[in-house]
Amino acid sequence: MQPQFASNGDHKTAFWDSAAGGPALVFAHGLGFDHSIWAATIALLPPGLRVIGYDLRGHGQSDTPPAPYTMGALVRDAETLLDHLAIRDAVFIGHDLGGMVAQGLAVKRLDQIRALVLANTAPKLGTKDTWARDIATIRATGIEARLDTDTKRNFSPAFRKTDALAPWTAALRARRLQGFLGCAQAIAGSDFYTPTASLRLPSLIIAGGQDAITPADMVQDLAHLIPGARMALIRPAGHLPMVEAPQVFATTLLDFLRDIGHS
């Protein structure tokens, strides 16, 4: 499927819309990847759901406006896209940075979001100081120097031994410096602890048992912030369980959708 584009003023957002007539699911990826992380999971969903995936600014086929970015700008990108598509009452599924965008959007536009699925994310990722050091190192040495480290951090040891790793190594190698740095600066300046604790909507929180970036106990803390949130642990997977264990991820998602009447 070819992408469509929505204008966000200084840039365009690439998105893919199944245009089905059923309830809407919106998928947002994490830092350094693109909408393709969801492909294997989406392929396992039943027909009839309206599935929308998009690339965050600076990633995939979306434009790369000049960095730095703010979390508010990333939330506005998602808000503008959903308004462009006249989407209301969607289930928003966000991974890593996409999960932070999901939290911000739910606080700002509850008319657009009826439920959240937050995977391998938290209300706050790292500290300003740790991100400042990372950003300075990337500027000094280049993003390519992080390839081996980021591969080890994103994927479980077992998955790294398989041929399935190759396209994801290529995806990490293809990261755009300005997009990565811009979004990293947005994460560095964000803390959703108080806003997320105010949310009262159905929520599914998913962790990977082998996740070195957002360990399960960190993700569990996020689940505790939202009253009634459901927690699911995909034990064999690293930071991208939708890539390493798409069948388990899809089954977990579908169980949640059925329970909230969104299927």
Protein backbone atom coordinates (compact mmCIF):
# COMPACT_ATOMS: atom_id res chain seq x y z
CA MET A 1 0.00 0.00 0.00
CA GLN A 2 1.33 3.42 -0.97
CA PRO A 3 1.44 6.14 1.69
CA GLN A 4 -0.83 9.13 1.80
CA PHE A 5 0.28 12.45 3.26
CA ALA A 6 -1.26 14.90 5.70
CA SER A 7 0.07 18.45 5.97
CA ASN A 8 1.29 19.67 9.33
CA GLY A 9 2.30 23.16 8.30
CA ASP A 10 6.10 22.90 7.99
CA HIS A 11 6.12 19.23 6.99
CA LYS A 12 4.02 16.32 5.77
CA THR A 13 3.19 13.16 7.70
CA ALA A 14 3.13 9.87 5.80
CA PHE A 15 0.31 7.56 6.78
CA TRP A 16 -1.39 4.34 5.68
CA ASP A 17 -5.14 3.89 6.07
CA SER A 18 -6.96 0.61 5.44
CA ALA A 19 -10.16 2.71 5.05
CA ALA A 20 -12.25 -0.15 6.41
CA GLY A 21 -15.55 0.78 7.99
CA GLY A 22 -14.98 -0.72 11.42
CA PRO A 23 -13.55 0.67 14.66
CA ALA A 24 -10.28 2.58 14.26
CA LEU A 25 -6.84 1.52 15.46
CA VAL A 26 -3.97 4.01 15.20
CA PHE A 27 -0.37 2.72 15.42
CA ALA A 28 2.61 4.91 16.36
CA HIS A 29 6.17 3.55 16.35
CA GLY A 30 9.18 4.24 18.55
CA LEU A 31 12.37 6.24 18.21
CA GLY A 32 14.54 5.24 15.26
CA PHE A 33 12.04 2.97 13.51
CA ASP A 34 8.93 3.52 11.37
CA HIS A 35 5.41 2.17 10.83
CA SER A 36 6.78 -1.13 9.51
CA ILE A 37 7.39 -2.45 13.05
CA TRP A 38 3.63 -3.09 13.16
CA ALA A 39 3.31 -4.97 9.84
CA ALA A 40 3.45 -8.52 11.20
CA THR A 41 0.99 -7.73 13.99
CA ILE A 42 -1.43 -5.90 11.69
CA ALA A 43 -1.41 -8.86 9.29
CA LEU A 44 -2.85 -11.00 12.10
CA LEU A 45 -5.78 -8.70 12.85
CA PRO A 46 -9.26 -9.59 11.54
CA PRO A 47 -10.66 -7.75 8.52
CA GLY A 48 -13.04 -4.90 9.10
CA LEU A 49 -10.99 -2.89 11.55
CA ARG A 50 -9.88 0.51 10.26
CA VAL A 51 -6.10 0.41 10.69
CA ILE A 52 -4.05 3.60 10.45
CA GLY A 53 -0.28 3.62 10.77
CA TYR A 54 1.97 6.63 10.38
CA ASP A 55 5.61 7.68 10.46
CA LEU A 56 6.63 10.20 13.08
CA ARG A 57 8.34 13.36 11.86
CA GLY A 58 11.95 12.68 10.95
CA HIS A 59 11.24 8.97 10.42
CA GLY A 60 10.26 6.69 7.54
CA GLN A 61 8.53 8.50 4.70
CA SER A 62 7.48 11.55 6.70
CA ASP A 63 9.33 14.82 6.22
CA THR A 64 12.17 15.92 8.49
CA PRO A 65 11.67 19.50 9.64
CA PRO A 66 14.67 21.14 11.33
CA ALA A 67 15.43 19.85 14.83
CA PRO A 68 14.89 20.19 17.75
CA TYR A 69 11.32 18.96 18.19
CA THR A 70 9.08 19.15 21.23
CA MET A 71 6.70 16.52 22.53
CA GLY A 72 3.91 19.03 22.02
CA ALA A 73 4.76 19.15 18.32
CA LEU A 74 4.72 15.34 18.05
CA VAL A 75 1.34 15.21 19.79
CA ARG A 76 0.02 17.90 17.42
CA ASP A 77 1.18 15.80 14.45
CA ALA A 78 -0.94 12.89 15.68
CA GLU A 79 -3.86 15.18 16.53
CA THR A 80 -3.76 16.80 13.10
CA LEU A 81 -3.62 13.42 11.37
CA LEU A 82 -6.68 12.14 13.24
CA ASP A 83 -8.56 15.35 12.52
CA HIS A 84 -7.56 15.05 8.85
CA LEU A 85 -9.07 11.54 8.82
CA ALA A 86 -12.09 12.55 10.95
CA ILE A 87 -11.14 9.85 13.46
CA ARG A 88 -12.89 9.78 16.82
CA ASP A 89 -12.93 7.15 19.57
CA ALA A 90 -9.87 5.31 18.28
CA VAL A 91 -7.72 2.86 20.14
CA PHE A 92 -4.24 4.37 19.95
CA ILE A 93 -1.38 1.86 20.06
CA GLY A 94 1.98 3.45 20.78
CA HIS A 95 5.44 1.95 21.20
CA ASP A 96 8.33 3.68 23.01
CA LEU A 97 8.21 7.32 21.80
CA GLY A 98 4.87 6.57 20.14
CA GLY A 99 3.59 5.55 23.57
CA MET A 100 4.56 8.94 24.98
CA VAL A 101 2.74 10.61 22.08
CA ALA A 102 -0.27 8.44 22.91
CA GLN A 103 -0.26 9.60 26.53
CA GLY A 104 -0.04 13.24 25.50
CA LEU A 105 -2.78 12.91 22.90
CA ALA A 106 -5.15 11.16 25.32
CA VAL A 107 -4.70 13.98 27.83
CA LYS A 108 -5.25 16.65 25.17
CA ARG A 109 -7.93 15.09 22.94
CA LEU A 110 -10.00 12.51 24.76
CA ASP A 111 -12.59 12.84 21.98
CA GLN A 112 -10.11 11.19 19.62
CA ILE A 113 -9.03 8.39 21.96
CA ARG A 114 -11.29 5.87 23.71
CA ALA A 115 -8.53 3.46 24.82
CA LEU A 116 -4.74 3.17 24.92
CA VAL A 117 -2.30 0.36 24.22
CA LEU A 118 1.13 1.40 25.47
CA ALA A 119 4.01 -0.91 24.61
CA ASN A 120 7.55 -0.73 26.00
CA THR A 121 7.20 2.85 27.11
CA ALA A 122 6.90 5.00 30.22
CA PRO A 123 5.68 8.44 31.27
CA LYS A 124 9.32 9.53 31.35
CA LEU A 125 12.24 7.97 29.47
CA GLY A 126 15.69 8.79 30.80
CA THR A 127 16.74 12.16 32.16
CA LYS A 128 17.72 15.44 30.57
CA ASP A 129 21.33 14.79 31.52
CA THR A 130 21.50 11.28 30.03
CA TRP A 131 19.84 12.43 26.82
CA ALA A 132 22.16 15.45 26.62
CA ARG A 133 25.18 13.14 26.83
CA ASP A 134 23.72 10.79 24.21
CA ILE A 135 22.92 13.65 21.85
CA ALA A 136 26.40 15.15 22.25
CA THR A 137 27.99 11.76 21.54
CA ILE A 138 25.86 11.23 18.43
CA ARG A 139 26.78 14.67 17.11
CA ALA A 140 30.46 13.95 17.71
CA THR A 141 30.67 10.39 16.38
CA GLY A 142 27.65 10.01 14.09
CA ILE A 143 24.56 7.86 14.48
CA GLU A 144 26.21 4.92 12.69
CA ALA A 145 28.54 4.42 15.66
CA ARG A 146 25.51 3.40 17.74
CA LEU A 147 24.44 0.57 15.45
CA ASP A 148 25.87 -2.36 17.41
CA THR A 149 24.84 -0.96 20.78
CA ASP A 150 21.32 -0.12 19.65
CA THR A 151 20.86 -3.53 18.04
CA LYS A 152 21.77 -5.22 21.33
CA ARG A 153 19.52 -2.91 23.34
CA ASN A 154 16.47 -3.23 21.07
CA PHE A 155 16.42 -6.98 20.46
CA SER A 156 16.63 -10.03 22.68
CA PRO A 157 19.74 -12.25 22.53
CA ALA A 158 17.73 -15.09 20.96
CA PHE A 159 16.26 -12.88 18.22
CA ARG A 160 19.70 -11.46 17.38
CA LYS A 161 20.84 -14.96 16.44
CA THR A 162 18.16 -15.33 13.74
CA ASP A 163 18.01 -14.19 10.12
CA ALA A 164 14.93 -12.13 11.03
CA LEU A 165 17.25 -9.52 12.55
CA ALA A 166 18.64 -8.37 9.18
CA PRO A 167 15.86 -5.95 8.09
CA TRP A 168 15.86 -4.30 11.51
CA THR A 169 19.60 -3.79 11.45
CA ALA A 170 19.07 -2.14 8.06
CA ALA A 171 16.33 0.03 9.56
CA LEU A 172 18.65 1.19 12.34
CA ARG A 173 21.37 1.90 9.78
CA ALA A 174 18.92 4.04 7.76
CA ARG A 175 18.00 6.37 10.63
CA ARG A 176 18.10 10.06 9.76
CA LEU A 177 20.32 12.10 12.06
CA GLN A 178 18.08 15.18 12.28
CA GLY A 179 14.95 13.12 12.86
CA PHE A 180 16.59 10.98 15.53
CA LEU A 181 18.12 13.95 17.35
CA GLY A 182 14.93 16.01 17.07
CA CYS A 183 12.80 13.27 18.61
CA ALA A 184 15.45 12.48 21.23
CA GLN A 185 15.27 16.12 22.34
CA ALA A 186 11.48 15.83 22.56
CA ILE A 187 11.80 12.78 24.83
CA ALA A 188 14.43 14.51 26.98
CA GLY A 189 12.07 17.37 27.79
CA SER A 190 9.00 15.24 28.59
CA ASP A 191 7.52 13.99 31.84
CA PHE A 192 3.96 12.59 31.72
CA TYR A 193 3.73 11.26 35.28
CA THR A 194 1.12 13.77 36.44
CA PRO A 195 -0.90 14.03 33.18
CA THR A 196 -0.98 10.26 32.68
CA ALA A 197 -2.11 9.70 36.27
CA SER A 198 -5.17 11.84 35.47
CA LEU A 199 -6.32 9.50 32.66
CA ARG A 200 -9.45 7.43 33.13
CA LEU A 201 -9.82 5.24 30.06
CA PRO A 202 -9.30 1.56 29.21
CA SER A 203 -5.59 0.87 28.90
CA LEU A 204 -3.41 -2.11 28.03
CA ILE A 205 0.25 -1.88 28.99
CA ILE A 206 2.67 -4.31 27.31
CA ALA A 207 6.26 -5.09 28.32
CA GLY A 208 8.98 -7.33 26.93
CA GLY A 209 10.64 -9.69 29.37
CA GLN A 210 14.05 -9.15 27.72
CA ASP A 211 13.69 -5.38 27.21
CA ALA A 212 16.92 -3.54 28.03
CA ILE A 213 15.52 -0.07 27.24
CA THR A 214 12.23 -0.07 29.15
CA PRO A 215 12.48 -3.01 31.57
CA ALA A 216 9.28 -4.66 32.71
CA ASP A 217 9.35 -3.04 36.15
CA MET A 218 9.49 0.40 34.53
CA VAL A 219 6.54 -0.46 32.32
CA GLN A 220 4.71 -1.86 35.35
CA ASP A 221 5.05 1.56 37.01
CA LEU A 222 3.22 3.04 34.04
CA ALA A 223 0.41 0.51 34.46
CA HIS A 224 0.05 1.54 38.10
CA LEU A 225 -0.51 5.18 37.09
CA ILE A 226 -3.74 4.50 35.16
CA PRO A 227 -6.57 3.08 37.28
CA GLY A 228 -7.75 -0.28 35.95
CA ALA A 229 -4.94 -0.61 33.41
CA ARG A 230 -4.20 -4.17 32.26
CA MET A 231 -0.58 -5.34 32.23
CA ALA A 232 0.79 -7.97 29.82
CA LEU A 233 4.32 -9.34 29.78
CA ILE A 234 5.67 -10.98 26.62
CA ARG A 235 8.53 -12.83 28.29
CA PRO A 236 10.82 -13.89 25.39
CA ALA A 237 10.79 -10.51 23.63
CA GLY A 238 13.04 -7.48 23.82
CA HIS A 239 12.09 -3.86 23.22
CA LEU A 240 10.01 -4.68 20.12
CA PRO A 241 7.64 -7.54 21.01
CA MET A 242 5.45 -6.74 17.99
CA VAL A 243 8.47 -7.68 15.85
CA GLU A 244 9.82 -10.62 17.86
CA ALA A 245 6.48 -12.15 18.91
CA PRO A 246 3.76 -10.73 16.62
CA GLN A 247 1.34 -13.61 17.22
CA VAL A 248 1.45 -13.12 20.98
CA PHE A 249 1.23 -9.34 20.59
CA ALA A 250 -1.75 -9.60 18.24
CA THR A 251 -3.57 -12.08 20.49
CA THR A 252 -3.01 -9.84 23.51
CA LEU A 253 -4.26 -6.83 21.58
CA LEU A 254 -7.33 -8.62 20.23
CA ASP A 255 -8.31 -9.90 23.68
CA PHE A 256 -8.22 -6.32 24.93
CA LEU A 257 -10.22 -5.01 21.95
CA ARG A 258 -12.91 -7.64 22.49
CA ASP A 259 -13.12 -6.86 26.20
CA ILE A 260 -13.72 -3.16 25.54
CA GLY A 261 -16.11 -3.81 22.61
CA HIS A 262 -13.78 -2.41 19.94
CA SER A 263 -13.70 -5.31 17.50
